[in-house]
Every structure is written in C-alpha cells, then in structure tokens.
N, C-alpha and C. Protein backbone atom coordinates (compact mmCIF):
# COMPACT_ATOMS: atom_id res chain seq x y z
N MET A 1 24.49 -14.03 -73.84
CA MET A 1 23.23 -14.51 -73.24
C MET A 1 23.30 -15.73 -72.67
N ALA A 2 24.29 -16.19 -72.22
CA ALA A 2 24.37 -17.36 -71.48
C ALA A 2 24.03 -17.65 -70.33
N GLY A 3 22.92 -18.57 -70.08
CA GLY A 3 22.23 -18.78 -68.77
C GLY A 3 21.25 -17.79 -68.53
N VAL A 4 20.85 -17.14 -69.60
CA VAL A 4 19.49 -16.14 -69.53
C VAL A 4 18.39 -17.07 -70.13
N LYS A 5 17.16 -17.17 -69.62
CA LYS A 5 16.11 -17.85 -70.08
C LYS A 5 15.31 -16.87 -70.97
N VAL A 6 15.01 -17.43 -72.01
CA VAL A 6 14.08 -16.26 -72.93
C VAL A 6 12.93 -17.21 -73.58
N SER A 7 11.82 -16.72 -73.13
CA SER A 7 10.64 -17.33 -73.84
C SER A 7 10.44 -17.24 -75.26
N TYR A 8 9.66 -18.23 -76.16
CA TYR A 8 9.43 -17.99 -77.40
C TYR A 8 8.79 -16.74 -77.72
N ILE A 9 7.98 -16.05 -76.88
CA ILE A 9 7.41 -14.84 -77.21
C ILE A 9 8.32 -13.63 -77.04
N GLY A 10 9.25 -13.82 -76.10
CA GLY A 10 10.48 -12.75 -76.12
C GLY A 10 11.39 -12.80 -77.26
N ALA A 11 11.78 -14.06 -77.81
CA ALA A 11 12.45 -14.22 -78.93
C ALA A 11 11.85 -13.59 -80.10
N LEU A 12 10.48 -13.87 -80.08
CA LEU A 12 9.74 -13.36 -81.21
C LEU A 12 9.90 -11.83 -81.21
N VAL A 13 9.47 -11.28 -80.15
CA VAL A 13 9.62 -9.77 -80.13
C VAL A 13 10.95 -9.24 -80.31
N LEU A 14 12.04 -9.84 -79.78
CA LEU A 14 13.25 -9.52 -80.03
C LEU A 14 13.55 -9.40 -81.54
N PHE A 15 13.53 -10.55 -82.02
CA PHE A 15 13.63 -10.38 -83.69
C PHE A 15 12.69 -9.76 -84.62
N ALA A 16 11.44 -9.43 -83.96
CA ALA A 16 10.69 -8.60 -84.79
C ALA A 16 10.93 -7.13 -84.68
N THR A 17 11.48 -6.94 -83.64
CA THR A 17 12.07 -5.35 -83.45
C THR A 17 12.91 -4.87 -84.51
N VAL A 18 13.93 -5.73 -85.15
CA VAL A 18 14.84 -5.23 -85.97
C VAL A 18 14.14 -4.86 -87.40
N PRO A 19 13.41 -5.89 -87.89
CA PRO A 19 12.79 -5.27 -89.07
C PRO A 19 11.69 -3.86 -89.04
N LEU A 20 11.09 -4.07 -87.88
CA LEU A 20 10.41 -2.81 -87.40
C LEU A 20 10.93 -1.69 -87.37
N PHE A 21 12.22 -1.78 -86.89
CA PHE A 21 13.03 -0.49 -86.74
C PHE A 21 13.57 -0.12 -88.23
N LEU A 22 13.87 -1.10 -88.95
CA LEU A 22 14.44 -0.67 -90.35
C LEU A 22 13.20 -0.19 -91.20
N VAL A 23 11.92 -0.73 -91.10
CA VAL A 23 10.83 0.04 -91.65
C VAL A 23 10.51 1.42 -91.22
N VAL A 24 10.57 1.66 -90.07
CA VAL A 24 10.27 2.93 -89.32
C VAL A 24 11.38 3.91 -89.90
N SER A 25 12.70 3.65 -89.92
CA SER A 25 13.83 4.28 -90.11
C SER A 25 13.65 4.68 -91.75
N PHE A 26 13.33 3.83 -92.56
CA PHE A 26 13.09 4.08 -93.99
C PHE A 26 12.07 4.96 -94.29
N ILE A 27 10.96 4.92 -93.32
CA ILE A 27 9.52 5.78 -93.61
C ILE A 27 10.24 7.22 -93.14
N LEU A 28 10.92 7.34 -91.97
CA LEU A 28 11.19 8.67 -91.41
C LEU A 28 12.09 9.35 -92.75
N GLU A 29 13.08 8.51 -93.22
CA GLU A 29 13.98 9.24 -93.83
C GLU A 29 13.39 9.63 -95.38
N TYR A 30 12.32 8.73 -95.82
CA TYR A 30 11.60 8.94 -97.05
C TYR A 30 10.58 10.35 -96.70
N VAL A 31 10.28 10.64 -95.64
CA VAL A 31 9.22 11.72 -95.36
C VAL A 31 10.31 12.90 -95.32
N GLY A 32 11.47 12.87 -94.69
CA GLY A 32 12.25 13.92 -94.67
C GLY A 32 12.83 14.39 -96.03
N ASP A 33 13.20 13.47 -96.73
CA ASP A 33 13.57 13.82 -98.03
C ASP A 33 12.37 14.36 -98.84
N ARG A 34 11.35 13.84 -98.59
CA ARG A 34 10.19 14.40 -99.55
C ARG A 34 10.03 15.96 -99.36
N ASP A 35 9.99 16.11 -97.96
CA ASP A 35 9.74 17.69 -97.46
C ASP A 35 10.90 18.35 -97.71
N TYR A 36 12.12 17.88 -97.93
CA TYR A 36 13.17 18.83 -98.39
C TYR A 36 13.05 19.02 -99.82
N ARG A 37 12.62 17.99 -100.72
CA ARG A 37 12.68 18.16 -101.97
C ARG A 37 11.31 19.05 -102.42
N ASP A 38 10.37 19.04 -101.55
CA ASP A 38 8.99 20.03 -102.00
C ASP A 38 9.55 21.55 -101.47
N PHE A 39 10.52 21.56 -100.27
CA PHE A 39 10.90 22.91 -99.95
C PHE A 39 11.87 23.54 -100.97
N LYS A 40 12.77 22.67 -101.77
CA LYS A 40 13.49 23.17 -102.69
C LYS A 40 12.65 23.66 -103.79
N LYS A 41 11.68 22.65 -104.18
CA LYS A 41 10.94 23.03 -105.43
C LYS A 41 10.07 24.57 -105.40
N GLN A 42 9.39 24.53 -103.98
CA GLN A 42 8.54 25.71 -103.73
C GLN A 42 9.34 27.05 -103.81
N TYR A 43 10.64 27.00 -103.22
CA TYR A 43 11.38 28.34 -103.30
C TYR A 43 12.58 28.24 -104.31
N ASP A 44 12.20 27.26 -105.36
CA ASP A 44 13.23 27.07 -106.63
C ASP A 44 14.60 27.49 -106.15
N ILE A 45 14.94 26.53 -105.23
CA ILE A 45 16.58 26.47 -104.84
C ILE A 45 17.26 25.35 -105.71
N LYS A 46 18.28 25.81 -106.35
CA LYS A 46 18.93 24.91 -107.08
C LYS A 46 20.53 24.74 -106.55
N GLU A 47 20.84 23.60 -106.72
CA GLU A 47 22.20 23.31 -106.06
C GLU A 47 23.06 22.91 -107.02
N ASP A 48 24.42 23.27 -107.04
CA ASP A 48 25.34 23.20 -108.07
C ASP A 48 26.22 22.11 -107.56
N LYS A 49 26.00 21.08 -108.51
CA LYS A 49 26.81 19.80 -108.34
C LYS A 49 28.14 19.61 -108.51
N ASP A 50 28.46 20.81 -109.55
CA ASP A 50 29.83 20.74 -110.00
C ASP A 50 30.73 21.53 -108.95
N ASP A 51 30.20 22.38 -107.99
CA ASP A 51 30.94 23.05 -106.99
C ASP A 51 31.57 22.17 -105.73
N LYS A 52 30.99 21.62 -105.31
CA LYS A 52 31.15 20.81 -104.08
C LYS A 52 31.86 21.36 -103.14
N GLY A 53 31.49 22.77 -102.85
CA GLY A 53 32.13 23.45 -101.62
C GLY A 53 33.46 24.17 -101.99
N SER A 54 34.11 24.05 -103.32
CA SER A 54 35.47 24.72 -103.48
C SER A 54 35.01 26.21 -103.88
N GLN A 55 35.89 26.97 -103.19
CA GLN A 55 35.75 28.57 -103.32
C GLN A 55 36.76 29.16 -104.16
C-alpha cells in the first residue's frame, strides 16, 4: 500500500472487519453443526467411528 493515503476511519474499518468476519464465521459454523446434530438426533442416525470408510 505504498503511496496510498488511508484515513483513520478507513484503517479502523479495515482492522474491524477481520474480527467481525471471524465472529460471523464461528456463528455460522455453530448454527450448521447444531442443525446437523439435531437432524441426527431426530432421526436416530449413528455414525461408526471405527469404520472410517473402509469396506
């Protein structure tokens, strides 16, 4: 960014977007995992952890 003028507000917005992005991504991941757990619990789906895809 050599030669590019950035105001204090622009820098604040730039540095504030990174934590905001992390918080939003963690929330979306939590909601997705919660929905998946509820789906497995509702339909009584069990996953074999010993199998790991070998047939």
